[in-house]
Amino acid sequence: MNGQNRSNVMPGVEVDIVLKQDQKTGKLTHGVVKDLLTKSATHPHGIKVRLTDGQIGRVKEIYSK
């Protein structure tokens, strides 16, 4: 599932995100969502989240709901 809809992303969900410094390469980072940082219902590049380890990026893939 893609991470463009805020309704699909919630704390505790396993996701792959792309960090700001990895946007050019598209390297993904796996983690668990702690906070949602995007306020709008959708975002074309993915909902911005903070992972439990403190990393911030945009959701590219959702693994569980």
PDB file of N, CA and C in Angstrom:
ATOM      1  N   MET A   1       0.852  -1.174   0.000  1.00  0.00           N
ATOM      2  CA  MET A   1       0.000   0.000   0.000  1.00  0.00           C
ATOM      3  C   MET A   1       0.901   1.242   0.000  1.00  0.00           C
ATOM      4  N   ASN A   2       0.558   2.234  -0.792  1.00  0.00           N
ATOM      5  CA  ASN A   2       1.394   3.431  -0.832  1.00  0.00           C
ATOM      6  C   ASN A   2       1.061   4.362   0.333  1.00  0.00           C
ATOM      7  N   GLY A   3       1.934   5.296   0.593  1.00  0.00           N
ATOM      8  CA  GLY A   3       1.808   6.165   1.756  1.00  0.00           C
ATOM      9  C   GLY A   3       1.327   7.561   1.449  1.00  0.00           C
ATOM     10  N   GLN A   4       0.511   7.719   0.401  1.00  0.00           N
ATOM     11  CA  GLN A   4       0.050   9.052   0.019  1.00  0.00           C
ATOM     12  C   GLN A   4      -1.212   9.491   0.754  1.00  0.00           C
ATOM     13  N   ASN A   5      -1.946   8.553   1.357  1.00  0.00           N
ATOM     14  CA  ASN A   5      -3.181   8.886   2.073  1.00  0.00           C
ATOM     15  C   ASN A   5      -2.955   8.829   3.575  1.00  0.00           C
ATOM     16  N   ARG A   6      -3.263   9.926   4.252  1.00  0.00           N
ATOM     17  CA  ARG A   6      -3.044  10.016   5.699  1.00  0.00           C
ATOM     18  C   ARG A   6      -3.870   8.975   6.456  1.00  0.00           C
ATOM     19  N   SER A   7      -5.031   8.619   5.915  1.00  0.00           N
ATOM     20  CA  SER A   7      -5.910   7.656   6.592  1.00  0.00           C
ATOM     21  C   SER A   7      -5.288   6.264   6.676  1.00  0.00           C
ATOM     22  N   ASN A   8      -4.303   5.958   5.809  1.00  0.00           N
ATOM     23  CA  ASN A   8      -3.655   4.646   5.819  1.00  0.00           C
ATOM     24  C   ASN A   8      -2.467   4.576   6.778  1.00  0.00           C
ATOM     25  N   VAL A   9      -2.008   5.733   7.248  1.00  0.00           N
ATOM     26  CA  VAL A   9      -0.805   5.796   8.080  1.00  0.00           C
ATOM     27  C   VAL A   9      -1.212   6.158   9.496  1.00  0.00           C
ATOM     28  N   MET A  10      -0.766   5.356  10.472  1.00  0.00           N
ATOM     29  CA  MET A  10      -1.089   5.640  11.878  1.00  0.00           C
ATOM     30  C   MET A  10       0.052   5.150  12.760  1.00  0.00           C
ATOM     31  N   PRO A  11       0.156   5.693  13.966  1.00  0.00           N
ATOM     32  CA  PRO A  11       1.224   5.239  14.869  1.00  0.00           C
ATOM     33  C   PRO A  11       1.172   3.732  15.087  1.00  0.00           C
ATOM     34  N   GLY A  12       2.362   3.109  15.101  1.00  0.00           N
ATOM     35  CA  GLY A  12       2.460   1.680  15.315  1.00  0.00           C
ATOM     36  C   GLY A  12       2.534   0.857  14.041  1.00  0.00           C
ATOM     37  N   VAL A  13       2.348   1.492  12.884  1.00  0.00           N
ATOM     38  CA  VAL A  13       2.364   0.788  11.601  1.00  0.00           C
ATOM     39  C   VAL A  13       3.803   0.684  11.086  1.00  0.00           C
ATOM     40  N   GLU A  14       4.144  -0.486  10.516  1.00  0.00           N
ATOM     41  CA  GLU A  14       5.463  -0.681   9.893  1.00  0.00           C
ATOM     42  C   GLU A  14       5.456  -0.081   8.502  1.00  0.00           C
ATOM     43  N   VAL A  15       6.487   0.729   8.207  1.00  0.00           N
ATOM     44  CA  VAL A  15       6.558   1.416   6.922  1.00  0.00           C
ATOM     45  C   VAL A  15       7.985   1.459   6.393  1.00  0.00           C
ATOM     46  N   ASP A  16       8.100   1.759   5.105  1.00  0.00           N
ATOM     47  CA  ASP A  16       9.363   2.155   4.497  1.00  0.00           C
ATOM     48  C   ASP A  16       9.243   3.630   4.194  1.00  0.00           C
ATOM     49  N   ILE A  17      10.255   4.412   4.582  1.00  0.00           N
ATOM     50  CA  ILE A  17      10.260   5.840   4.291  1.00  0.00           C
ATOM     51  C   ILE A  17      11.512   6.185   3.497  1.00  0.00           C
ATOM     52  N   VAL A  18      11.461   7.327   2.825  1.00  0.00           N
ATOM     53  CA  VAL A  18      12.660   7.866   2.192  1.00  0.00           C
ATOM     54  C   VAL A  18      13.045   9.120   2.984  1.00  0.00           C
ATOM     55  N   LEU A  19      14.274   9.132   3.486  1.00  0.00           N
ATOM     56  CA  LEU A  19      14.785  10.262   4.245  1.00  0.00           C
ATOM     57  C   LEU A  19      15.136  11.400   3.296  1.00  0.00           C
ATOM     58  N   LYS A  20      15.176  12.636   3.809  1.00  0.00           N
ATOM     59  CA  LYS A  20      15.483  13.803   2.983  1.00  0.00           C
ATOM     60  C   LYS A  20      16.795  13.610   2.215  1.00  0.00           C
ATOM     61  N   GLN A  21      17.843  13.129   2.902  1.00  0.00           N
ATOM     62  CA  GLN A  21      19.150  12.972   2.255  1.00  0.00           C
ATOM     63  C   GLN A  21      19.171  11.827   1.245  1.00  0.00           C
ATOM     64  N   ASP A  22      18.150  10.956   1.268  1.00  0.00           N
ATOM     65  CA  ASP A  22      18.095   9.816   0.353  1.00  0.00           C
ATOM     66  C   ASP A  22      17.118  10.029  -0.807  1.00  0.00           C
ATOM     67  N   GLN A  23      16.554  11.226  -0.934  1.00  0.00           N
ATOM     68  CA  GLN A  23      15.544  11.460  -1.967  1.00  0.00           C
ATOM     69  C   GLN A  23      16.094  11.264  -3.373  1.00  0.00           C
ATOM     70  N   LYS A  24      17.334  11.638  -3.615  1.00  0.00           N
ATOM     71  CA  LYS A  24      17.909  11.491  -4.959  1.00  0.00           C
ATOM     72  C   LYS A  24      18.133  10.032  -5.325  1.00  0.00           C
ATOM     73  N   THR A  25      18.561   9.224  -4.344  1.00  0.00           N
ATOM     74  CA  THR A  25      18.848   7.814  -4.620  1.00  0.00           C
ATOM     75  C   THR A  25      17.608   6.943  -4.462  1.00  0.00           C
ATOM     76  N   GLY A  26      16.640   7.375  -3.653  1.00  0.00           N
ATOM     77  CA  GLY A  26      15.438   6.594  -3.418  1.00  0.00           C
ATOM     78  C   GLY A  26      15.628   5.484  -2.402  1.00  0.00           C
ATOM     79  N   LYS A  27      16.749   5.520  -1.652  1.00  0.00           N
ATOM     80  CA  LYS A  27      17.028   4.500  -0.629  1.00  0.00           C
ATOM     81  C   LYS A  27      15.945   4.544   0.453  1.00  0.00           C
ATOM     82  N   LEU A  28      15.418   3.367   0.794  1.00  0.00           N
ATOM     83  CA  LEU A  28      14.338   3.275   1.771  1.00  0.00           C
ATOM     84  C   LEU A  28      14.865   2.884   3.142  1.00  0.00           C
ATOM     85  N   THR A  29      14.201   3.381   4.170  1.00  0.00           N
ATOM     86  CA  THR A  29      14.517   3.064   5.556  1.00  0.00           C
ATOM     87  C   THR A  29      13.278   2.441   6.181  1.00  0.00           C
ATOM     88  N   HIS A  30      13.426   1.293   6.826  1.00  0.00           N
ATOM     89  CA  HIS A  30      12.302   0.576   7.428  1.00  0.00           C
ATOM     90  C   HIS A  30      12.167   0.980   8.894  1.00  0.00           C
ATOM     91  N   GLY A  31      10.922   1.106   9.368  1.00  0.00           N
ATOM     92  CA  GLY A  31      10.709   1.440  10.770  1.00  0.00           C
ATOM     93  C   GLY A  31       9.241   1.428  11.132  1.00  0.00           C
ATOM     94  N   VAL A  32       8.963   1.854  12.376  1.00  0.00           N
ATOM     95  CA  VAL A  32       7.603   1.902  12.903  1.00  0.00           C
ATOM     96  C   VAL A  32       7.231   3.361  13.161  1.00  0.00           C
ATOM     97  N   VAL A  33       6.053   3.771  12.715  1.00  0.00           N
ATOM     98  CA  VAL A  33       5.597   5.152  12.838  1.00  0.00           C
ATOM     99  C   VAL A  33       5.347   5.514  14.298  1.00  0.00           C
ATOM    100  N   LYS A  34       5.901   6.673  14.704  1.00  0.00           N
ATOM    101  CA  LYS A  34       5.635   7.232  16.030  1.00  0.00           C
ATOM    102  C   LYS A  34       4.651   8.395  15.921  1.00  0.00           C
ATOM    103  N   ASP A  35       4.943   9.353  15.006  1.00  0.00           N
ATOM    104  CA  ASP A  35       4.102  10.550  14.839  1.00  0.00           C
ATOM    105  C   ASP A  35       3.863  10.824  13.367  1.00  0.00           C
ATOM    106  N   LEU A  36       2.685  11.375  13.043  1.00  0.00           N
ATOM    107  CA  LEU A  36       2.388  11.863  11.703  1.00  0.00           C
ATOM    108  C   LEU A  36       2.667  13.356  11.685  1.00  0.00           C
ATOM    109  N   LEU A  37       3.439  13.820  10.716  1.00  0.00           N
ATOM    110  CA  LEU A  37       3.826  15.223  10.651  1.00  0.00           C
ATOM    111  C   LEU A  37       3.082  15.988   9.549  1.00  0.00           C
ATOM    112  N   THR A  38       2.514  15.293   8.573  1.00  0.00           N
ATOM    113  CA  THR A  38       1.728  15.940   7.514  1.00  0.00           C
ATOM    114  C   THR A  38       0.301  16.108   8.015  1.00  0.00           C
ATOM    115  N   LYS A  39      -0.225  17.322   7.875  1.00  0.00           N
ATOM    116  CA  LYS A  39      -1.588  17.603   8.356  1.00  0.00           C
ATOM    117  C   LYS A  39      -2.661  17.364   7.289  1.00  0.00           C
ATOM    118  N   SER A  40      -2.296  17.467   6.008  1.00  0.00           N
ATOM    119  CA  SER A  40      -3.294  17.305   4.945  1.00  0.00           C
ATOM    120  C   SER A  40      -3.678  15.831   4.778  1.00  0.00           C
ATOM    121  N   ALA A  41      -4.809  15.586   4.147  1.00  0.00           N
ATOM    122  CA  ALA A  41      -5.329  14.228   3.981  1.00  0.00           C
ATOM    123  C   ALA A  41      -4.491  13.399   3.018  1.00  0.00           C
ATOM    124  N   THR A  42      -3.892  14.057   2.016  1.00  0.00           N
ATOM    125  CA  THR A  42      -3.051  13.356   1.050  1.00  0.00           C
ATOM    126  C   THR A  42      -1.821  14.203   0.742  1.00  0.00           C
ATOM    127  N   HIS A  43      -0.781  13.541   0.239  1.00  0.00           N
ATOM    128  CA  HIS A  43       0.416  14.252  -0.230  1.00  0.00           C
ATOM    129  C   HIS A  43       1.017  13.438  -1.363  1.00  0.00           C
ATOM    130  N   PRO A  44       1.321  14.077  -2.502  1.00  0.00           N
ATOM    131  CA  PRO A  44       1.797  13.324  -3.668  1.00  0.00           C
ATOM    132  C   PRO A  44       3.133  12.605  -3.470  1.00  0.00           C
ATOM    133  N   HIS A  45       3.961  13.076  -2.538  1.00  0.00           N
ATOM    134  CA  HIS A  45       5.266  12.440  -2.295  1.00  0.00           C
ATOM    135  C   HIS A  45       5.254  11.525  -1.080  1.00  0.00           C
ATOM    136  N   GLY A  46       4.105  11.395  -0.426  1.00  0.00           N
ATOM    137  CA  GLY A  46       3.990  10.546   0.757  1.00  0.00           C
ATOM    138  C   GLY A  46       3.798  11.361   2.018  1.00  0.00           C
ATOM    139  N   ILE A  47       3.115  10.775   2.976  1.00  0.00           N
ATOM    140  CA  ILE A  47       2.869  11.426   4.260  1.00  0.00           C
ATOM    141  C   ILE A  47       4.179  11.470   5.047  1.00  0.00           C
ATOM    142  N   LYS A  48       4.502  12.632   5.614  1.00  0.00           N
ATOM    143  CA  LYS A  48       5.734  12.770   6.397  1.00  0.00           C
ATOM    144  C   LYS A  48       5.480  12.247   7.809  1.00  0.00           C
ATOM    145  N   VAL A  49       6.392  11.378   8.282  1.00  0.00           N
ATOM    146  CA  VAL A  49       6.249  10.771   9.601  1.00  0.00           C
ATOM    147  C   VAL A  49       7.584  10.800  10.359  1.00  0.00           C
ATOM    148  N   ARG A  50       7.487  10.637  11.676  1.00  0.00           N
ATOM    149  CA  ARG A  50       8.658  10.413  12.531  1.00  0.00           C
ATOM    150  C   ARG A  50       8.584   8.970  12.990  1.00  0.00           C
ATOM    151  N   LEU A  51       9.685   8.233  12.808  1.00  0.00           N
ATOM    152  CA  LEU A  51       9.744   6.842  13.250  1.00  0.00           C
ATOM    153  C   LEU A  51      10.067   6.784  14.739  1.00  0.00           C
ATOM    154  N   THR A  52       9.905   5.604  15.336  1.00  0.00           N
ATOM    155  CA  THR A  52      10.177   5.428  16.765  1.00  0.00           C
ATOM    156  C   THR A  52      11.633   5.699  17.103  1.00  0.00           C
ATOM    157  N   ASP A  53      12.552   5.566  16.114  1.00  0.00           N
ATOM    158  CA  ASP A  53      13.963   5.847  16.370  1.00  0.00           C
ATOM    159  C   ASP A  53      14.325   7.308  16.096  1.00  0.00           C
ATOM    160  N   GLY A  54      13.326   8.146  15.761  1.00  0.00           N
ATOM    161  CA  GLY A  54      13.546   9.576  15.595  1.00  0.00           C
ATOM    162  C   GLY A  54      13.775  10.045  14.172  1.00  0.00           C
ATOM    163  N   GLN A  55      13.950   9.133  13.225  1.00  0.00           N
ATOM    164  CA  GLN A  55      14.173   9.522  11.836  1.00  0.00           C
ATOM    165  C   GLN A  55      12.877  10.050  11.223  1.00  0.00           C
ATOM    166  N   ILE A  56      13.010  11.053  10.330  1.00  0.00           N
ATOM    167  CA  ILE A  56      11.857  11.679   9.693  1.00  0.00           C
ATOM    168  C   ILE A  56      11.968  11.511   8.186  1.00  0.00           C
ATOM    169  N   GLY A  57      10.854  11.128   7.563  1.00  0.00           N
ATOM    170  CA  GLY A  57      10.832  10.972   6.116  1.00  0.00           C
ATOM    171  C   GLY A  57       9.418  10.783   5.612  1.00  0.00           C
ATOM    172  N   ARG A  58       9.313  10.584   4.298  1.00  0.00           N
ATOM    173  CA  ARG A  58       8.002  10.406   3.672  1.00  0.00           C
ATOM    174  C   ARG A  58       7.736   8.924   3.396  1.00  0.00           C
ATOM    175  N   VAL A  59       6.524   8.493   3.718  1.00  0.00           N
ATOM    176  CA  VAL A  59       6.136   7.085   3.590  1.00  0.00           C
ATOM    177  C   VAL A  59       6.026   6.694   2.121  1.00  0.00           C
ATOM    178  N   LYS A  60       6.709   5.603   1.758  1.00  0.00           N
ATOM    179  CA  LYS A  60       6.628   5.064   0.402  1.00  0.00           C
ATOM    180  C   LYS A  60       5.878   3.739   0.369  1.00  0.00           C
ATOM    181  N   GLU A  61       5.925   2.970   1.453  1.00  0.00           N
ATOM    182  CA  GLU A  61       5.257   1.659   1.490  1.00  0.00           C
ATOM    183  C   GLU A  61       4.772   1.394   2.905  1.00  0.00           C
ATOM    184  N   ILE A  62       3.569   0.813   3.009  1.00  0.00           N
ATOM    185  CA  ILE A  62       2.975   0.464   4.306  1.00  0.00           C
ATOM    186  C   ILE A  62       2.881  -1.063   4.363  1.00  0.00           C
ATOM    187  N   TYR A  63       3.318  -1.657   5.483  1.00  0.00           N
ATOM    188  CA  TYR A  63       3.345  -3.122   5.594  1.00  0.00           C
ATOM    189  C   TYR A  63       2.231  -3.711   6.418  1.00  0.00           C
ATOM    190  N   SER A  64       1.704  -2.987   7.390  1.00  0.00           N
ATOM    191  CA  SER A  64       0.612  -3.522   8.206  1.00  0.00           C
ATOM    192  C   SER A  64      -0.312  -2.379   8.586  1.00  0.00           C
ATOM    193  N   LYS A  65      -1.533  -2.749   8.929  1.00  0.00           N
ATOM    194  CA  LYS A  65      -2.510  -1.691   9.265  1.00  0.00           C
ATOM    195  C   LYS A  65      -3.260  -2.053  10.506  1.00  0.00           C
TER     196      LYS A  65
END
